[in-house]
Amino acid sequence: DQPMQFVVVRSNNSGCEPTCPQWVWARGAIEPGTPAAFARVLKTIGKKRLPVVISSPGGDVDAAMKMGRMIRERKFDVGVG
């Protein structure tokens, strides 16, 4: 499996501007460096409270727990995709 990558996705449905839905898509295996990559994404989105959609086969438990704490701290909604 590939390491987890993060993409901020914005709906392109016509007529939704300027409030088109956005979310963070997290796809791939969770590795020790994944929380740092997630932190960089969080920095780019600022104070926005975007849902996080995760598609992962699993991986490093400590890294996953750290990401979970980051998600809880920001009060993000999470879905499994």
N, C-alpha and C. Protein backbone atom coordinates (compact mmCIF):
# COMPACT_ATOMS: atom_id res chain seq x y z
N ASP A 1 0.83 -1.19 0.00
CA ASP A 1 0.00 0.00 0.00
C ASP A 1 0.87 1.26 0.00
N GLN A 2 0.35 2.28 -0.61
CA GLN A 2 1.03 3.57 -0.66
C GLN A 2 0.87 4.30 0.67
N PRO A 3 1.83 5.14 1.04
CA PRO A 3 1.69 5.95 2.25
C PRO A 3 0.49 6.90 2.11
N MET A 4 -0.11 7.26 3.24
CA MET A 4 -1.28 8.12 3.23
C MET A 4 -0.94 9.48 2.62
N GLN A 5 -1.83 9.92 1.75
CA GLN A 5 -1.74 11.24 1.15
C GLN A 5 -3.02 11.99 1.48
N PHE A 6 -2.92 13.30 1.53
CA PHE A 6 -4.06 14.15 1.89
C PHE A 6 -4.35 15.12 0.76
N VAL A 7 -5.64 15.28 0.47
CA VAL A 7 -6.07 16.23 -0.55
C VAL A 7 -7.29 16.96 -0.01
N VAL A 8 -7.28 18.29 -0.13
CA VAL A 8 -8.48 19.06 0.20
C VAL A 8 -9.32 19.09 -1.06
N VAL A 9 -10.52 18.54 -0.97
CA VAL A 9 -11.41 18.40 -2.11
C VAL A 9 -12.52 19.44 -2.00
N ARG A 10 -12.88 20.01 -3.13
CA ARG A 10 -13.97 20.98 -3.18
C ARG A 10 -14.95 20.52 -4.25
N SER A 11 -16.22 20.45 -3.89
CA SER A 11 -17.25 20.03 -4.85
C SER A 11 -17.28 20.98 -6.03
N ASN A 12 -17.51 20.44 -7.20
CA ASN A 12 -17.63 21.28 -8.38
C ASN A 12 -19.06 21.28 -8.94
N ASN A 13 -20.03 20.95 -8.09
CA ASN A 13 -21.42 20.98 -8.53
C ASN A 13 -21.79 22.40 -8.93
N SER A 14 -22.46 22.52 -10.06
CA SER A 14 -22.83 23.86 -10.51
C SER A 14 -23.84 24.47 -9.55
N GLY A 15 -23.70 25.76 -9.34
CA GLY A 15 -24.64 26.48 -8.50
C GLY A 15 -24.31 26.49 -7.02
N CYS A 16 -23.22 25.85 -6.60
CA CYS A 16 -22.92 25.81 -5.17
C CYS A 16 -22.03 26.98 -4.73
N GLU A 17 -21.45 27.70 -5.66
CA GLU A 17 -20.57 28.82 -5.29
C GLU A 17 -21.36 29.88 -4.53
N PRO A 18 -20.83 30.52 -3.55
CA PRO A 18 -19.46 30.42 -3.06
C PRO A 18 -19.32 29.44 -1.90
N THR A 19 -20.33 28.63 -1.65
CA THR A 19 -20.30 27.76 -0.46
C THR A 19 -20.25 26.28 -0.84
N CYS A 20 -19.49 25.96 -1.87
CA CYS A 20 -19.37 24.55 -2.28
C CYS A 20 -18.77 23.73 -1.12
N PRO A 21 -19.30 22.51 -0.90
CA PRO A 21 -18.76 21.67 0.17
C PRO A 21 -17.28 21.34 -0.06
N GLN A 22 -16.55 21.27 1.04
CA GLN A 22 -15.14 20.87 1.01
C GLN A 22 -14.92 19.79 2.06
N TRP A 23 -13.89 18.98 1.84
CA TRP A 23 -13.53 17.97 2.81
C TRP A 23 -12.06 17.60 2.59
N VAL A 24 -11.47 16.94 3.58
CA VAL A 24 -10.11 16.43 3.47
C VAL A 24 -10.21 14.95 3.16
N TRP A 25 -9.58 14.53 2.08
CA TRP A 25 -9.56 13.12 1.70
C TRP A 25 -8.20 12.57 2.10
N ALA A 26 -8.19 11.55 2.93
CA ALA A 26 -6.97 10.90 3.41
C ALA A 26 -6.98 9.47 2.89
N ARG A 27 -5.99 9.15 2.04
CA ARG A 27 -6.00 7.83 1.39
C ARG A 27 -4.61 7.21 1.48
N GLY A 28 -4.56 5.96 1.96
CA GLY A 28 -3.31 5.22 1.98
C GLY A 28 -2.99 4.68 3.37
N ALA A 29 -1.85 4.05 3.47
CA ALA A 29 -1.41 3.43 4.73
C ALA A 29 -0.88 4.49 5.70
N ILE A 30 -1.19 4.32 6.96
CA ILE A 30 -0.73 5.24 8.00
C ILE A 30 0.67 4.82 8.42
N GLU A 31 1.61 5.75 8.27
CA GLU A 31 3.01 5.50 8.59
C GLU A 31 3.47 6.48 9.67
N PRO A 32 4.65 6.29 10.24
CA PRO A 32 5.11 7.19 11.29
C PRO A 32 5.10 8.67 10.91
N GLY A 33 5.33 9.01 9.65
CA GLY A 33 5.35 10.40 9.21
C GLY A 33 3.99 10.97 8.86
N THR A 34 2.95 10.14 8.90
CA THR A 34 1.62 10.59 8.49
C THR A 34 1.07 11.73 9.35
N PRO A 35 1.22 11.70 10.68
CA PRO A 35 0.70 12.83 11.47
C PRO A 35 1.33 14.17 11.09
N ALA A 36 2.61 14.19 10.76
CA ALA A 36 3.26 15.44 10.34
C ALA A 36 2.68 15.93 9.03
N ALA A 37 2.41 15.02 8.11
CA ALA A 37 1.79 15.40 6.83
C ALA A 37 0.38 15.94 7.07
N PHE A 38 -0.35 15.31 7.99
CA PHE A 38 -1.71 15.76 8.32
C PHE A 38 -1.65 17.15 8.95
N ALA A 39 -0.67 17.38 9.81
CA ALA A 39 -0.51 18.69 10.45
C ALA A 39 -0.27 19.77 9.41
N ARG A 40 0.48 19.46 8.35
CA ARG A 40 0.71 20.44 7.28
C ARG A 40 -0.59 20.78 6.57
N VAL A 41 -1.44 19.77 6.35
CA VAL A 41 -2.74 20.02 5.72
C VAL A 41 -3.60 20.89 6.64
N LEU A 42 -3.59 20.59 7.92
CA LEU A 42 -4.38 21.38 8.87
C LEU A 42 -3.93 22.84 8.86
N LYS A 43 -2.64 23.05 8.72
CA LYS A 43 -2.13 24.42 8.67
C LYS A 43 -2.65 25.13 7.42
N THR A 44 -2.74 24.44 6.31
CA THR A 44 -3.19 25.08 5.07
C THR A 44 -4.68 25.42 5.11
N ILE A 45 -5.48 24.64 5.84
CA ILE A 45 -6.92 24.93 5.87
C ILE A 45 -7.28 25.92 6.98
N GLY A 46 -6.32 26.23 7.83
CA GLY A 46 -6.57 27.23 8.87
C GLY A 46 -7.63 26.78 9.86
N LYS A 47 -8.56 27.66 10.16
CA LYS A 47 -9.57 27.38 11.17
C LYS A 47 -10.81 26.69 10.60
N LYS A 48 -10.82 26.38 9.30
CA LYS A 48 -11.96 25.68 8.71
C LYS A 48 -12.15 24.34 9.40
N ARG A 49 -13.39 23.98 9.61
CA ARG A 49 -13.72 22.69 10.24
C ARG A 49 -14.27 21.76 9.16
N LEU A 50 -13.37 21.20 8.38
CA LEU A 50 -13.77 20.35 7.26
C LEU A 50 -13.89 18.89 7.71
N PRO A 51 -14.85 18.17 7.15
CA PRO A 51 -14.89 16.73 7.44
C PRO A 51 -13.67 16.03 6.85
N VAL A 52 -13.31 14.91 7.44
CA VAL A 52 -12.18 14.11 6.97
C VAL A 52 -12.73 12.76 6.53
N VAL A 53 -12.45 12.39 5.28
CA VAL A 53 -12.85 11.09 4.75
C VAL A 53 -11.58 10.25 4.64
N ILE A 54 -11.57 9.12 5.35
CA ILE A 54 -10.38 8.28 5.41
C ILE A 54 -10.62 6.97 4.66
N SER A 55 -9.66 6.64 3.80
CA SER A 55 -9.64 5.36 3.10
C SER A 55 -8.26 4.76 3.32
N SER A 56 -8.18 3.80 4.25
CA SER A 56 -6.88 3.29 4.65
C SER A 56 -6.96 1.81 5.03
N PRO A 57 -5.91 1.06 4.68
CA PRO A 57 -5.85 -0.33 5.12
C PRO A 57 -5.32 -0.44 6.56
N GLY A 58 -4.96 0.69 7.17
CA GLY A 58 -4.40 0.67 8.52
C GLY A 58 -2.95 1.06 8.49
N GLY A 59 -2.20 0.58 9.48
CA GLY A 59 -0.78 0.90 9.52
C GLY A 59 -0.29 1.08 10.94
N ASP A 60 0.55 2.09 11.12
CA ASP A 60 1.20 2.37 12.40
C ASP A 60 0.19 2.85 13.43
N VAL A 61 0.03 2.09 14.51
CA VAL A 61 -0.99 2.39 15.52
C VAL A 61 -0.70 3.71 16.24
N ASP A 62 0.56 3.95 16.61
CA ASP A 62 0.89 5.20 17.30
C ASP A 62 0.59 6.41 16.43
N ALA A 63 0.92 6.34 15.15
CA ALA A 63 0.64 7.44 14.24
C ALA A 63 -0.87 7.65 14.08
N ALA A 64 -1.62 6.55 14.01
CA ALA A 64 -3.07 6.64 13.90
C ALA A 64 -3.67 7.30 15.14
N MET A 65 -3.15 6.94 16.31
CA MET A 65 -3.66 7.54 17.55
C MET A 65 -3.35 9.04 17.59
N LYS A 66 -2.19 9.42 17.13
CA LYS A 66 -1.83 10.83 17.10
C LYS A 66 -2.76 11.60 16.16
N MET A 67 -3.04 11.01 15.01
CA MET A 67 -3.99 11.65 14.08
C MET A 67 -5.37 11.76 14.72
N GLY A 68 -5.78 10.72 15.42
CA GLY A 68 -7.08 10.75 16.10
C GLY A 68 -7.16 11.89 17.10
N ARG A 69 -6.08 12.10 17.84
CA ARG A 69 -6.06 13.22 18.80
C ARG A 69 -6.15 14.56 18.08
N MET A 70 -5.50 14.68 16.94
CA MET A 70 -5.55 15.91 16.16
C MET A 70 -6.99 16.15 15.65
N ILE A 71 -7.62 15.10 15.21
CA ILE A 71 -8.99 15.19 14.70
C ILE A 71 -9.94 15.59 15.82
N ARG A 72 -9.81 14.96 16.98
CA ARG A 72 -10.67 15.31 18.13
C ARG A 72 -10.46 16.74 18.59
N GLU A 73 -9.20 17.17 18.61
CA GLU A 73 -8.88 18.53 19.04
C GLU A 73 -9.57 19.57 18.16
N ARG A 74 -9.64 19.29 16.86
CA ARG A 74 -10.27 20.22 15.91
C ARG A 74 -11.77 19.97 15.74
N LYS A 75 -12.27 18.92 16.41
CA LYS A 75 -13.69 18.57 16.36
C LYS A 75 -14.19 18.32 14.93
N PHE A 76 -13.36 17.62 14.15
CA PHE A 76 -13.73 17.28 12.79
C PHE A 76 -14.71 16.11 12.78
N ASP A 77 -15.60 16.12 11.82
CA ASP A 77 -16.39 14.94 11.52
C ASP A 77 -15.54 14.02 10.67
N VAL A 78 -15.69 12.71 10.85
CA VAL A 78 -14.87 11.75 10.11
C VAL A 78 -15.78 10.72 9.47
N GLY A 79 -15.44 10.35 8.24
CA GLY A 79 -16.14 9.28 7.54
C GLY A 79 -15.12 8.31 6.97
N VAL A 80 -15.56 7.10 6.72
CA VAL A 80 -14.71 6.10 6.10
C VAL A 80 -15.16 5.92 4.67
N GLY A 81 -14.23 6.10 3.74
CA GLY A 81 -14.59 6.03 2.33
C GLY A 81 -13.93 4.88 1.64
